[in-house]
């Protein structure tokens, strides 16, 4: 899904970073504009308003899902451990 959408599923992360510079409404508008393009990531890189506030590496960081996984790995590990315990009981 990440590759197919060019990072669109992480649009909120980009909006959050842009909101510091543009305000929430303008950041939302910029992200919505990029989301209407065929490739979200490319649209962000090509948008002068976005690029005025986020460098290429910053856009890449915002679109990196590893920064948004939170405790997902821990939850998966716990679920697998519980399943294995149940299976052996």
N, C-alpha and C. Protein backbone atom coordinates (compact mmCIF):
# COMPACT_ATOMS: atom_id res chain seq x y z
N UNK A 1 0.81 -1.20 0.00
CA UNK A 1 0.00 0.00 0.00
C UNK A 1 0.85 1.26 0.00
N UNK A 2 1.97 1.21 0.71
CA UNK A 2 2.82 2.40 0.76
C UNK A 2 3.39 2.73 -0.61
N UNK A 3 3.88 1.72 -1.31
CA UNK A 3 4.45 1.96 -2.63
C UNK A 3 3.38 2.32 -3.64
N UNK A 4 2.26 1.66 -3.57
CA UNK A 4 1.19 1.90 -4.55
C UNK A 4 0.64 3.31 -4.47
N UNK A 5 0.65 3.90 -3.27
CA UNK A 5 0.09 5.24 -3.10
C UNK A 5 1.16 6.32 -3.02
N UNK A 6 2.42 5.93 -3.10
CA UNK A 6 3.49 6.92 -2.98
C UNK A 6 3.53 7.56 -1.60
N UNK A 7 3.03 6.85 -0.60
CA UNK A 7 3.07 7.35 0.76
C UNK A 7 1.80 8.03 1.22
N UNK A 8 0.76 7.99 0.42
CA UNK A 8 -0.49 8.69 0.75
C UNK A 8 -1.04 8.31 2.12
N UNK A 9 -0.83 7.08 2.54
CA UNK A 9 -1.35 6.66 3.84
C UNK A 9 -0.68 7.42 4.99
N UNK A 10 0.41 8.11 4.70
CA UNK A 10 1.09 8.91 5.72
C UNK A 10 0.86 10.40 5.53
N UNK A 11 -0.21 10.75 4.86
CA UNK A 11 -0.53 12.16 4.60
C UNK A 11 -0.63 12.97 5.88
N UNK A 12 -1.18 12.38 6.92
CA UNK A 12 -1.33 13.11 8.18
C UNK A 12 0.03 13.48 8.77
N UNK A 13 1.02 12.62 8.58
CA UNK A 13 2.36 12.92 9.08
C UNK A 13 2.94 14.14 8.36
N UNK A 14 2.71 14.23 7.07
CA UNK A 14 3.19 15.38 6.30
C UNK A 14 2.45 16.63 6.75
N UNK A 15 1.14 16.53 6.90
CA UNK A 15 0.34 17.68 7.33
C UNK A 15 0.80 18.17 8.71
N UNK A 16 1.12 17.26 9.59
CA UNK A 16 1.58 17.65 10.93
C UNK A 16 2.88 18.43 10.85
N UNK A 17 3.78 18.01 10.00
CA UNK A 17 5.05 18.74 9.85
C UNK A 17 4.84 20.10 9.20
N UNK A 18 3.97 20.15 8.22
CA UNK A 18 3.71 21.43 7.54
C UNK A 18 2.94 22.40 8.43
N UNK A 19 2.12 21.89 9.32
CA UNK A 19 1.28 22.74 10.16
C UNK A 19 2.10 23.70 11.00
N UNK A 20 3.29 23.31 11.37
CA UNK A 20 4.15 24.19 12.17
C UNK A 20 4.47 25.47 11.42
N UNK A 21 4.65 25.37 10.12
CA UNK A 21 5.03 26.53 9.31
C UNK A 21 3.83 27.23 8.67
N UNK A 22 2.84 26.45 8.25
CA UNK A 22 1.74 27.00 7.46
C UNK A 22 0.46 27.22 8.25
N UNK A 23 0.34 26.58 9.38
CA UNK A 23 -0.94 26.53 10.07
C UNK A 23 -1.68 25.29 9.61
N UNK A 24 -2.60 24.84 10.44
CA UNK A 24 -3.26 23.57 10.18
C UNK A 24 -4.09 23.57 8.89
N UNK A 25 -4.83 24.61 8.67
CA UNK A 25 -5.71 24.66 7.50
C UNK A 25 -4.91 24.68 6.20
N UNK A 26 -3.90 25.53 6.13
CA UNK A 26 -3.08 25.62 4.92
C UNK A 26 -2.30 24.33 4.69
N UNK A 27 -1.83 23.71 5.77
CA UNK A 27 -1.12 22.43 5.65
C UNK A 27 -2.06 21.36 5.09
N UNK A 28 -3.27 21.34 5.59
CA UNK A 28 -4.26 20.37 5.09
C UNK A 28 -4.52 20.60 3.61
N UNK A 29 -4.65 21.86 3.21
CA UNK A 29 -4.89 22.18 1.80
C UNK A 29 -3.74 21.71 0.92
N UNK A 30 -2.51 21.94 1.38
CA UNK A 30 -1.33 21.53 0.60
C UNK A 30 -1.28 20.01 0.45
N UNK A 31 -1.58 19.31 1.52
CA UNK A 31 -1.56 17.84 1.48
C UNK A 31 -2.70 17.32 0.60
N UNK A 32 -3.86 17.94 0.71
CA UNK A 32 -5.00 17.52 -0.13
C UNK A 32 -4.69 17.74 -1.60
N UNK A 33 -4.03 18.83 -1.91
CA UNK A 33 -3.64 19.12 -3.30
C UNK A 33 -2.70 18.03 -3.81
N UNK A 34 -1.73 17.66 -3.01
CA UNK A 34 -0.78 16.61 -3.40
C UNK A 34 -1.48 15.25 -3.51
N UNK A 35 -2.45 15.02 -2.65
CA UNK A 35 -3.16 13.74 -2.63
C UNK A 35 -3.98 13.52 -3.90
N UNK A 36 -4.35 14.59 -4.56
CA UNK A 36 -5.14 14.46 -5.79
C UNK A 36 -4.28 14.12 -7.00
N UNK A 37 -2.98 14.12 -6.83
CA UNK A 37 -2.07 13.82 -7.94
C UNK A 37 -1.82 12.31 -8.01
N UNK A 38 -1.35 11.84 -9.16
CA UNK A 38 -1.14 10.39 -9.32
C UNK A 38 -0.20 9.78 -8.28
N UNK A 39 0.86 10.49 -7.94
CA UNK A 39 1.81 9.97 -6.95
C UNK A 39 2.02 11.02 -5.87
N UNK A 40 1.56 10.71 -4.68
CA UNK A 40 1.61 11.64 -3.55
C UNK A 40 3.02 12.14 -3.28
N UNK A 41 3.96 11.22 -3.17
CA UNK A 41 5.35 11.59 -2.87
C UNK A 41 5.90 12.56 -3.92
N UNK A 42 5.72 12.24 -5.19
CA UNK A 42 6.22 13.11 -6.25
C UNK A 42 5.55 14.48 -6.22
N UNK A 43 4.26 14.49 -5.92
CA UNK A 43 3.53 15.75 -5.85
C UNK A 43 4.05 16.62 -4.72
N UNK A 44 4.38 16.03 -3.59
CA UNK A 44 4.95 16.80 -2.48
C UNK A 44 6.29 17.41 -2.88
N UNK A 45 7.12 16.62 -3.53
CA UNK A 45 8.43 17.12 -3.94
C UNK A 45 8.32 18.23 -4.98
N UNK A 46 7.27 18.21 -5.78
CA UNK A 46 7.10 19.20 -6.85
C UNK A 46 6.36 20.45 -6.40
N UNK A 47 5.74 20.42 -5.24
CA UNK A 47 4.92 21.55 -4.78
C UNK A 47 5.81 22.63 -4.15
N UNK A 48 5.84 23.84 -4.73
CA UNK A 48 6.70 24.90 -4.20
C UNK A 48 6.36 25.29 -2.76
N UNK A 49 5.08 25.27 -2.41
CA UNK A 49 4.69 25.63 -1.04
C UNK A 49 5.22 24.61 -0.04
N UNK A 50 5.10 23.34 -0.39
CA UNK A 50 5.62 22.28 0.48
C UNK A 50 7.13 22.39 0.58
N UNK A 51 7.78 22.55 -0.56
CA UNK A 51 9.25 22.59 -0.60
C UNK A 51 9.83 23.83 0.09
N UNK A 52 9.03 24.88 0.22
CA UNK A 52 9.50 26.06 0.93
C UNK A 52 9.67 25.77 2.42
N UNK A 53 9.02 24.72 2.90
CA UNK A 53 9.05 24.43 4.33
C UNK A 53 9.61 23.06 4.68
N UNK A 54 9.64 22.16 3.70
CA UNK A 54 10.18 20.82 3.95
C UNK A 54 11.20 20.46 2.86
N UNK A 55 12.37 20.05 3.29
CA UNK A 55 13.39 19.60 2.34
C UNK A 55 13.04 18.19 1.85
N UNK A 56 13.76 17.73 0.84
CA UNK A 56 13.55 16.36 0.37
C UNK A 56 13.73 15.34 1.50
N UNK A 57 14.80 15.46 2.29
CA UNK A 57 14.95 14.49 3.40
C UNK A 57 13.81 14.58 4.42
N UNK A 58 13.31 15.78 4.68
CA UNK A 58 12.21 15.93 5.64
C UNK A 58 10.92 15.30 5.11
N UNK A 59 10.67 15.44 3.82
CA UNK A 59 9.51 14.77 3.21
C UNK A 59 9.69 13.26 3.33
N UNK A 60 10.90 12.79 3.03
CA UNK A 60 11.18 11.36 3.15
C UNK A 60 10.97 10.85 4.57
N UNK A 61 11.40 11.63 5.57
CA UNK A 61 11.21 11.24 6.96
C UNK A 61 9.73 11.17 7.31
N UNK A 62 8.96 12.16 6.84
CA UNK A 62 7.52 12.17 7.13
C UNK A 62 6.83 10.97 6.49
N UNK A 63 7.34 10.52 5.36
CA UNK A 63 6.73 9.39 4.65
C UNK A 63 7.33 8.04 5.04
N UNK A 64 8.21 8.04 6.03
CA UNK A 64 8.82 6.80 6.50
C UNK A 64 7.89 6.15 7.53
N UNK A 65 7.31 5.02 7.21
CA UNK A 65 6.34 4.41 8.14
C UNK A 65 6.96 3.96 9.46
N UNK A 66 8.25 3.77 9.50
CA UNK A 66 8.89 3.32 10.74
C UNK A 66 8.72 4.33 11.86
N UNK A 67 8.62 5.60 11.50
CA UNK A 67 8.42 6.63 12.51
C UNK A 67 7.01 6.68 13.06
N UNK A 68 6.10 5.95 12.43
CA UNK A 68 4.69 6.01 12.82
C UNK A 68 4.15 4.67 13.31
N UNK A 69 5.01 3.70 13.47
CA UNK A 69 4.55 2.39 13.90
C UNK A 69 4.32 2.31 15.41
N UNK A 70 4.95 3.21 16.14
CA UNK A 70 4.73 3.23 17.59
C UNK A 70 5.04 1.89 18.23
N UNK A 71 4.08 1.38 18.96
CA UNK A 71 4.25 0.13 19.70
C UNK A 71 3.74 -1.08 18.93
N UNK A 72 3.56 -0.95 17.64
CA UNK A 72 2.99 -2.04 16.84
C UNK A 72 3.79 -3.33 17.00
N UNK A 73 5.10 -3.24 16.98
CA UNK A 73 5.94 -4.44 17.12
C UNK A 73 5.73 -5.13 18.46
N UNK A 74 5.62 -4.34 19.51
CA UNK A 74 5.37 -4.88 20.84
C UNK A 74 4.02 -5.59 20.89
N UNK A 75 3.00 -4.98 20.30
CA UNK A 75 1.67 -5.60 20.29
C UNK A 75 1.67 -6.91 19.52
N UNK A 76 2.37 -6.95 18.41
CA UNK A 76 2.47 -8.18 17.63
C UNK A 76 3.18 -9.26 18.43
N UNK A 77 4.29 -8.89 19.06
CA UNK A 77 5.03 -9.86 19.87
C UNK A 77 4.16 -10.43 20.99
N UNK A 78 3.40 -9.57 21.66
CA UNK A 78 2.53 -10.02 22.75
C UNK A 78 1.43 -10.95 22.22
N UNK A 79 0.85 -10.58 21.10
CA UNK A 79 -0.22 -11.40 20.52
C UNK A 79 0.31 -12.77 20.12
N UNK A 80 1.49 -12.80 19.52
CA UNK A 80 2.09 -14.08 19.13
C UNK A 80 2.43 -14.93 20.35
N UNK A 81 2.95 -14.31 21.39
CA UNK A 81 3.28 -15.04 22.61
C UNK A 81 2.01 -15.63 23.24
N UNK A 82 0.94 -14.84 23.26
CA UNK A 82 -0.32 -15.32 23.83
C UNK A 82 -0.86 -16.48 23.00
N UNK A 83 -0.77 -16.37 21.69
CA UNK A 83 -1.24 -17.43 20.80
C UNK A 83 -0.45 -18.71 21.03
N UNK A 84 0.85 -18.57 21.14
CA UNK A 84 1.70 -19.75 21.34
C UNK A 84 1.42 -20.42 22.68
N UNK A 85 1.18 -19.60 23.71
CA UNK A 85 0.86 -20.15 25.03
C UNK A 85 -0.46 -20.91 24.98
N UNK A 86 -1.43 -20.33 24.28
CA UNK A 86 -2.74 -20.96 24.15
C UNK A 86 -2.65 -22.25 23.36
N UNK A 87 -1.81 -22.25 22.34
CA UNK A 87 -1.66 -23.41 21.48
C UNK A 87 -1.01 -24.58 22.22
N UNK A 88 -0.11 -24.30 23.14
CA UNK A 88 0.58 -25.36 23.89
C UNK A 88 -0.20 -25.80 25.12
N UNK A 89 -1.23 -25.09 25.48
CA UNK A 89 -2.03 -25.46 26.68
C UNK A 89 -3.03 -26.53 26.40
